[in-house]
Amino acid sequence: MHSDQQIKHWTPICDLGEIVPNTGVAALVGDQQVAVFHVIDRSQGEPQPRVFAVGNYDPNCDAAVLSRGLVGNLGERIVVASPIYKHHFDLTTGECLEEPANSIPAWPARIADGKVWIGA
């Protein structure tokens, strides 16, 4: 996990309100397709918005589709299920739970000033 102090550059993606809660959108950051997710975290009692950023490309089906996947949890992990073969990717680490060799990149993400930011 990255701390905000370790991140040298933050890229604004969109306003938080532009992403429907518990869904994702695709964004182009540099030359990378990134799937950005707005998740409502209820684990601490009061619902809190959180954002995650992972690669949009699913290596299991050879398509850039993860931003259209279903968000949920498997145990304590917040995941997205690919819309093609339903493989689960951890939104914090990018790990593919069914095929760890096919894991994807993950980037730090935060909400600041009502906007979603991706760190590099």
N, C-alpha and C. Protein backbone atom coordinates (compact mmCIF):
# COMPACT_ATOMS: atom_id res chain seq x y z
N MET A 1 0.84 -1.17 0.00
CA MET A 1 0.00 0.00 0.00
C MET A 1 0.89 1.24 0.00
N HIS A 2 0.52 2.24 -0.78
CA HIS A 2 1.29 3.46 -0.90
C HIS A 2 0.75 4.52 0.05
N SER A 3 1.65 5.33 0.60
CA SER A 3 1.18 6.47 1.37
C SER A 3 1.17 7.68 0.44
N ASP A 4 0.34 8.67 0.77
CA ASP A 4 0.25 9.85 -0.08
C ASP A 4 1.60 10.56 -0.21
N GLN A 5 2.47 10.44 0.81
CA GLN A 5 3.77 11.09 0.75
C GLN A 5 4.69 10.43 -0.28
N GLN A 6 4.50 9.15 -0.59
CA GLN A 6 5.34 8.45 -1.54
C GLN A 6 4.97 8.75 -2.99
N ILE A 7 3.76 9.25 -3.22
CA ILE A 7 3.29 9.49 -4.58
C ILE A 7 3.84 10.83 -5.06
N LYS A 8 4.52 10.79 -6.20
CA LYS A 8 5.12 12.01 -6.75
C LYS A 8 4.15 12.80 -7.61
N HIS A 9 3.20 12.11 -8.24
CA HIS A 9 2.29 12.80 -9.16
C HIS A 9 0.89 12.21 -9.05
N TRP A 10 -0.10 13.06 -8.90
CA TRP A 10 -1.50 12.66 -8.87
C TRP A 10 -2.19 13.21 -10.11
N THR A 11 -2.95 12.38 -10.80
CA THR A 11 -3.67 12.78 -12.01
C THR A 11 -5.16 12.84 -11.70
N PRO A 12 -5.81 13.99 -11.97
CA PRO A 12 -7.26 14.05 -11.77
C PRO A 12 -7.97 13.25 -12.86
N ILE A 13 -8.98 12.48 -12.48
CA ILE A 13 -9.70 11.65 -13.44
C ILE A 13 -11.07 12.24 -13.75
N CYS A 14 -11.87 12.51 -12.73
CA CYS A 14 -13.22 13.07 -12.92
C CYS A 14 -13.76 13.47 -11.56
N ASP A 15 -14.93 14.09 -11.55
CA ASP A 15 -15.63 14.35 -10.29
C ASP A 15 -16.14 13.02 -9.74
N LEU A 16 -16.11 12.84 -8.43
CA LEU A 16 -16.59 11.61 -7.82
C LEU A 16 -18.04 11.33 -8.23
N GLY A 17 -18.85 12.35 -8.31
CA GLY A 17 -20.26 12.19 -8.66
C GLY A 17 -20.49 11.68 -10.08
N GLU A 18 -19.46 11.68 -10.92
CA GLU A 18 -19.60 11.18 -12.29
C GLU A 18 -19.51 9.65 -12.36
N ILE A 19 -19.14 9.02 -11.25
CA ILE A 19 -19.10 7.55 -11.21
C ILE A 19 -20.20 7.08 -10.27
N VAL A 20 -21.16 6.36 -10.81
CA VAL A 20 -22.26 5.83 -10.01
C VAL A 20 -21.66 4.93 -8.92
N PRO A 21 -22.11 5.07 -7.65
CA PRO A 21 -21.56 4.22 -6.59
C PRO A 21 -21.66 2.73 -6.93
N ASN A 22 -20.59 2.03 -6.57
CA ASN A 22 -20.45 0.58 -6.76
C ASN A 22 -20.39 0.17 -8.23
N THR A 23 -19.86 1.09 -9.06
CA THR A 23 -19.58 0.79 -10.46
C THR A 23 -18.22 1.38 -10.82
N GLY A 24 -17.82 1.15 -12.06
CA GLY A 24 -16.55 1.67 -12.53
C GLY A 24 -16.67 2.39 -13.85
N VAL A 25 -15.61 3.11 -14.20
CA VAL A 25 -15.49 3.77 -15.50
C VAL A 25 -14.08 3.51 -16.01
N ALA A 26 -13.90 3.63 -17.32
CA ALA A 26 -12.58 3.51 -17.91
C ALA A 26 -12.01 4.91 -18.12
N ALA A 27 -10.71 5.05 -17.86
CA ALA A 27 -10.02 6.32 -18.07
C ALA A 27 -8.69 6.03 -18.75
N LEU A 28 -8.24 6.97 -19.55
CA LEU A 28 -6.93 6.85 -20.18
C LEU A 28 -5.98 7.74 -19.39
N VAL A 29 -5.00 7.12 -18.75
CA VAL A 29 -4.00 7.84 -17.95
C VAL A 29 -2.66 7.61 -18.63
N GLY A 30 -2.14 8.64 -19.28
CA GLY A 30 -0.96 8.46 -20.13
C GLY A 30 -1.36 7.55 -21.27
N ASP A 31 -0.68 6.42 -21.38
CA ASP A 31 -1.03 5.44 -22.42
C ASP A 31 -1.68 4.19 -21.83
N GLN A 32 -2.11 4.27 -20.56
CA GLN A 32 -2.70 3.12 -19.87
C GLN A 32 -4.21 3.26 -19.74
N GLN A 33 -4.94 2.19 -20.09
CA GLN A 33 -6.37 2.14 -19.78
C GLN A 33 -6.52 1.71 -18.32
N VAL A 34 -7.20 2.54 -17.54
CA VAL A 34 -7.36 2.30 -16.11
C VAL A 34 -8.86 2.17 -15.81
N ALA A 35 -9.21 1.15 -15.03
CA ALA A 35 -10.58 0.99 -14.54
C ALA A 35 -10.64 1.65 -13.17
N VAL A 36 -11.51 2.64 -13.02
CA VAL A 36 -11.63 3.41 -11.78
C VAL A 36 -12.99 3.10 -11.16
N PHE A 37 -12.99 2.68 -9.90
CA PHE A 37 -14.21 2.25 -9.22
C PHE A 37 -14.53 3.15 -8.04
N HIS A 38 -15.81 3.48 -7.90
CA HIS A 38 -16.35 4.24 -6.76
C HIS A 38 -17.14 3.23 -5.94
N VAL A 39 -16.66 2.93 -4.74
CA VAL A 39 -17.25 1.91 -3.88
C VAL A 39 -17.74 2.57 -2.60
N ILE A 40 -18.92 2.19 -2.16
CA ILE A 40 -19.42 2.64 -0.86
C ILE A 40 -19.03 1.60 0.17
N ASP A 41 -18.14 1.97 1.07
CA ASP A 41 -17.63 1.08 2.11
C ASP A 41 -18.49 1.23 3.35
N ARG A 42 -19.13 0.14 3.76
CA ARG A 42 -19.98 0.15 4.95
C ARG A 42 -19.35 -0.59 6.12
N SER A 43 -18.07 -0.93 6.01
CA SER A 43 -17.42 -1.75 7.03
C SER A 43 -17.22 -1.02 8.36
N GLN A 44 -17.18 0.30 8.36
CA GLN A 44 -16.95 1.06 9.58
C GLN A 44 -18.24 1.65 10.14
N GLY A 45 -19.39 1.11 9.73
CA GLY A 45 -20.68 1.62 10.20
C GLY A 45 -21.26 2.63 9.23
N GLU A 46 -20.84 3.87 9.32
CA GLU A 46 -21.33 4.93 8.44
C GLU A 46 -20.76 4.74 7.03
N PRO A 47 -21.61 4.73 5.99
CA PRO A 47 -21.11 4.53 4.62
C PRO A 47 -20.10 5.61 4.22
N GLN A 48 -19.00 5.16 3.65
CA GLN A 48 -17.93 6.06 3.21
C GLN A 48 -17.58 5.76 1.76
N PRO A 49 -17.44 6.80 0.91
CA PRO A 49 -17.00 6.54 -0.46
C PRO A 49 -15.51 6.22 -0.50
N ARG A 50 -15.15 5.25 -1.33
CA ARG A 50 -13.73 4.91 -1.57
C ARG A 50 -13.55 4.77 -3.07
N VAL A 51 -12.34 4.97 -3.53
CA VAL A 51 -12.05 4.79 -4.95
C VAL A 51 -10.85 3.86 -5.11
N PHE A 52 -10.86 3.13 -6.22
CA PHE A 52 -9.82 2.17 -6.55
C PHE A 52 -9.48 2.31 -8.02
N ALA A 53 -8.25 1.99 -8.37
CA ALA A 53 -7.82 2.05 -9.77
C ALA A 53 -6.98 0.82 -10.09
N VAL A 54 -7.40 0.07 -11.11
CA VAL A 54 -6.67 -1.10 -11.57
C VAL A 54 -6.63 -1.06 -13.10
N GLY A 55 -5.78 -1.89 -13.68
CA GLY A 55 -5.76 -1.99 -15.14
C GLY A 55 -7.11 -2.42 -15.67
N ASN A 56 -7.50 -1.86 -16.80
CA ASN A 56 -8.80 -2.19 -17.39
C ASN A 56 -8.74 -3.46 -18.22
N TYR A 57 -7.54 -3.90 -18.58
CA TYR A 57 -7.36 -5.06 -19.46
C TYR A 57 -7.41 -6.35 -18.67
N ASP A 58 -8.32 -7.26 -19.05
CA ASP A 58 -8.43 -8.58 -18.43
C ASP A 58 -7.62 -9.57 -19.26
N PRO A 59 -6.48 -10.05 -18.75
CA PRO A 59 -5.65 -10.98 -19.52
C PRO A 59 -6.29 -12.36 -19.71
N ASN A 60 -7.30 -12.69 -18.92
CA ASN A 60 -7.96 -13.99 -19.05
C ASN A 60 -8.81 -14.08 -20.31
N CYS A 61 -9.33 -12.95 -20.78
CA CYS A 61 -10.17 -12.96 -21.98
C CYS A 61 -9.62 -12.07 -23.09
N ASP A 62 -8.45 -11.46 -22.84
CA ASP A 62 -7.77 -10.63 -23.83
C ASP A 62 -8.65 -9.47 -24.30
N ALA A 63 -9.28 -8.75 -23.33
CA ALA A 63 -10.13 -7.63 -23.66
C ALA A 63 -10.08 -6.58 -22.54
N ALA A 64 -10.25 -5.33 -22.92
CA ALA A 64 -10.27 -4.22 -21.96
C ALA A 64 -11.71 -4.00 -21.49
N VAL A 65 -12.11 -4.75 -20.45
CA VAL A 65 -13.51 -4.78 -20.02
C VAL A 65 -13.73 -4.63 -18.51
N LEU A 66 -12.68 -4.56 -17.72
CA LEU A 66 -12.87 -4.64 -16.27
C LEU A 66 -13.67 -3.48 -15.69
N SER A 67 -13.65 -2.31 -16.32
CA SER A 67 -14.43 -1.19 -15.80
C SER A 67 -15.92 -1.48 -15.84
N ARG A 68 -16.34 -2.47 -16.64
CA ARG A 68 -17.76 -2.85 -16.75
C ARG A 68 -18.10 -4.06 -15.87
N GLY A 69 -17.16 -4.49 -15.04
CA GLY A 69 -17.39 -5.65 -14.19
C GLY A 69 -18.25 -5.33 -12.98
N LEU A 70 -18.63 -6.39 -12.27
CA LEU A 70 -19.45 -6.27 -11.06
C LEU A 70 -18.57 -6.14 -9.83
N VAL A 71 -18.86 -5.15 -9.00
CA VAL A 71 -18.09 -4.90 -7.78
C VAL A 71 -18.76 -5.63 -6.62
N GLY A 72 -17.94 -6.22 -5.75
CA GLY A 72 -18.47 -6.89 -4.56
C GLY A 72 -17.34 -7.25 -3.63
N ASN A 73 -17.60 -8.16 -2.68
CA ASN A 73 -16.54 -8.63 -1.80
C ASN A 73 -16.49 -10.14 -1.81
N LEU A 74 -15.28 -10.62 -1.60
CA LEU A 74 -15.04 -12.03 -1.31
C LEU A 74 -14.32 -12.01 0.03
N GLY A 75 -15.04 -12.33 1.09
CA GLY A 75 -14.48 -12.19 2.43
C GLY A 75 -14.21 -10.72 2.70
N GLU A 76 -13.00 -10.41 3.10
CA GLU A 76 -12.61 -9.03 3.41
C GLU A 76 -12.13 -8.27 2.17
N ARG A 77 -12.00 -8.96 1.04
CA ARG A 77 -11.46 -8.33 -0.16
C ARG A 77 -12.56 -7.67 -0.99
N ILE A 78 -12.29 -6.45 -1.44
CA ILE A 78 -13.18 -5.76 -2.37
C ILE A 78 -12.67 -6.11 -3.76
N VAL A 79 -13.55 -6.65 -4.60
CA VAL A 79 -13.15 -7.19 -5.89
C VAL A 79 -14.06 -6.69 -7.00
N VAL A 80 -13.56 -6.85 -8.23
CA VAL A 80 -14.39 -6.70 -9.42
C VAL A 80 -14.37 -8.05 -10.13
N ALA A 81 -15.55 -8.48 -10.58
CA ALA A 81 -15.67 -9.71 -11.37
C ALA A 81 -15.71 -9.32 -12.84
N SER A 82 -14.80 -9.86 -13.62
CA SER A 82 -14.76 -9.55 -15.04
C SER A 82 -16.10 -9.94 -15.70
N PRO A 83 -16.59 -9.09 -16.61
CA PRO A 83 -17.87 -9.41 -17.25
C PRO A 83 -17.79 -10.57 -18.24
N ILE A 84 -16.59 -11.03 -18.60
CA ILE A 84 -16.47 -12.11 -19.58
C ILE A 84 -16.45 -13.47 -18.88
N TYR A 85 -15.35 -13.81 -18.21
CA TYR A 85 -15.22 -15.13 -17.58
C TYR A 85 -15.44 -15.11 -16.07
N LYS A 86 -15.77 -13.94 -15.52
CA LYS A 86 -16.11 -13.79 -14.09
C LYS A 86 -14.93 -14.01 -13.15
N HIS A 87 -13.68 -13.91 -13.63
CA HIS A 87 -12.54 -13.95 -12.72
C HIS A 87 -12.62 -12.73 -11.81
N HIS A 88 -12.18 -12.90 -10.56
CA HIS A 88 -12.22 -11.83 -9.57
C HIS A 88 -10.85 -11.19 -9.42
N PHE A 89 -10.82 -9.86 -9.44
CA PHE A 89 -9.59 -9.10 -9.26
C PHE A 89 -9.72 -8.24 -8.01
N ASP A 90 -8.73 -8.34 -7.11
CA ASP A 90 -8.70 -7.55 -5.89
C ASP A 90 -8.48 -6.09 -6.29
N LEU A 91 -9.36 -5.19 -5.85
CA LEU A 91 -9.25 -3.79 -6.25
C LEU A 91 -8.12 -3.05 -5.55
N THR A 92 -7.58 -3.61 -4.49
CA THR A 92 -6.45 -2.97 -3.81
C THR A 92 -5.12 -3.37 -4.43
N THR A 93 -4.99 -4.65 -4.78
CA THR A 93 -3.69 -5.17 -5.25
C THR A 93 -3.65 -5.51 -6.73
N GLY A 94 -4.81 -5.73 -7.35
CA GLY A 94 -4.86 -6.18 -8.75
C GLY A 94 -4.73 -7.68 -8.90
N GLU A 95 -4.60 -8.41 -7.80
CA GLU A 95 -4.43 -9.86 -7.87
C GLU A 95 -5.67 -10.54 -8.45
N CYS A 96 -5.46 -11.43 -9.41
CA CYS A 96 -6.54 -12.27 -9.94
C CYS A 96 -6.66 -13.47 -9.00
N LEU A 97 -7.79 -13.62 -8.34
CA LEU A 97 -7.92 -14.65 -7.31
C LEU A 97 -7.93 -16.05 -7.88
N GLU A 98 -8.49 -16.23 -9.07
CA GLU A 98 -8.54 -17.56 -9.68
C GLU A 98 -7.26 -17.91 -10.44
N GLU A 99 -6.60 -16.92 -11.00
CA GLU A 99 -5.37 -17.12 -11.79
C GLU A 99 -4.34 -16.07 -11.39
N PRO A 100 -3.64 -16.23 -10.24
CA PRO A 100 -2.70 -15.21 -9.78
C PRO A 100 -1.65 -14.80 -10.81
N ALA A 101 -1.29 -15.69 -11.72
CA ALA A 101 -0.32 -15.34 -12.76
C ALA A 101 -0.88 -14.28 -13.71
N ASN A 102 -2.21 -14.12 -13.74
CA ASN A 102 -2.86 -13.14 -14.61
C ASN A 102 -3.33 -11.91 -13.84
N SER A 103 -2.59 -11.54 -12.81
CA SER A 103 -2.93 -10.34 -12.04
C SER A 103 -2.69 -9.10 -12.89
N ILE A 104 -3.28 -7.99 -12.47
CA ILE A 104 -3.22 -6.74 -13.22
C ILE A 104 -2.60 -5.64 -12.35
N PRO A 105 -2.16 -4.54 -12.97
CA PRO A 105 -1.61 -3.45 -12.16
C PRO A 105 -2.69 -2.76 -11.33
N ALA A 106 -2.28 -2.21 -10.21
CA ALA A 106 -3.16 -1.41 -9.35
C ALA A 106 -2.42 -0.11 -9.02
N TRP A 107 -3.17 0.98 -8.96
CA TRP A 107 -2.60 2.28 -8.64
C TRP A 107 -3.29 2.84 -7.41
N PRO A 108 -2.58 3.66 -6.64
CA PRO A 108 -3.24 4.34 -5.53
C PRO A 108 -4.29 5.31 -6.08
N ALA A 109 -5.38 5.44 -5.39
CA ALA A 109 -6.46 6.35 -5.79
C ALA A 109 -6.97 7.05 -4.53
N ARG A 110 -7.44 8.27 -4.72
CA ARG A 110 -7.97 9.01 -3.58
C ARG A 110 -9.06 9.97 -4.05
N ILE A 111 -9.80 10.47 -3.08
CA ILE A 111 -10.81 11.50 -3.31
C ILE A 111 -10.29 12.77 -2.65
N ALA A 112 -10.22 13.86 -3.40
CA ALA A 112 -9.81 15.15 -2.84
C ALA A 112 -10.55 16.24 -3.60
N ASP A 113 -11.10 17.18 -2.86
CA ASP A 113 -11.83 18.30 -3.45
C ASP A 113 -12.96 17.83 -4.36
N GLY A 114 -13.59 16.70 -4.00
CA GLY A 114 -14.71 16.18 -4.78
C GLY A 114 -14.32 15.48 -6.07
N LYS A 115 -13.01 15.32 -6.31
CA LYS A 115 -12.51 14.69 -7.52
C LYS A 115 -11.83 13.36 -7.19
N VAL A 116 -11.75 12.49 -8.20
CA VAL A 116 -11.03 11.23 -8.09
C VAL A 116 -9.65 11.47 -8.68
N TRP A 117 -8.61 11.05 -7.96
CA TRP A 117 -7.22 11.22 -8.37
C TRP A 117 -6.53 9.86 -8.38
N ILE A 118 -5.66 9.64 -9.37
CA ILE A 118 -4.86 8.42 -9.47
C ILE A 118 -3.39 8.81 -9.28
N GLY A 119 -2.69 8.06 -8.44
CA GLY A 119 -1.28 8.34 -8.16
C GLY A 119 -0.34 7.52 -9.02
N ALA A 120 0.81 8.11 -9.29
CA ALA A 120 1.85 7.40 -10.07
C ALA A 120 3.20 7.61 -9.40
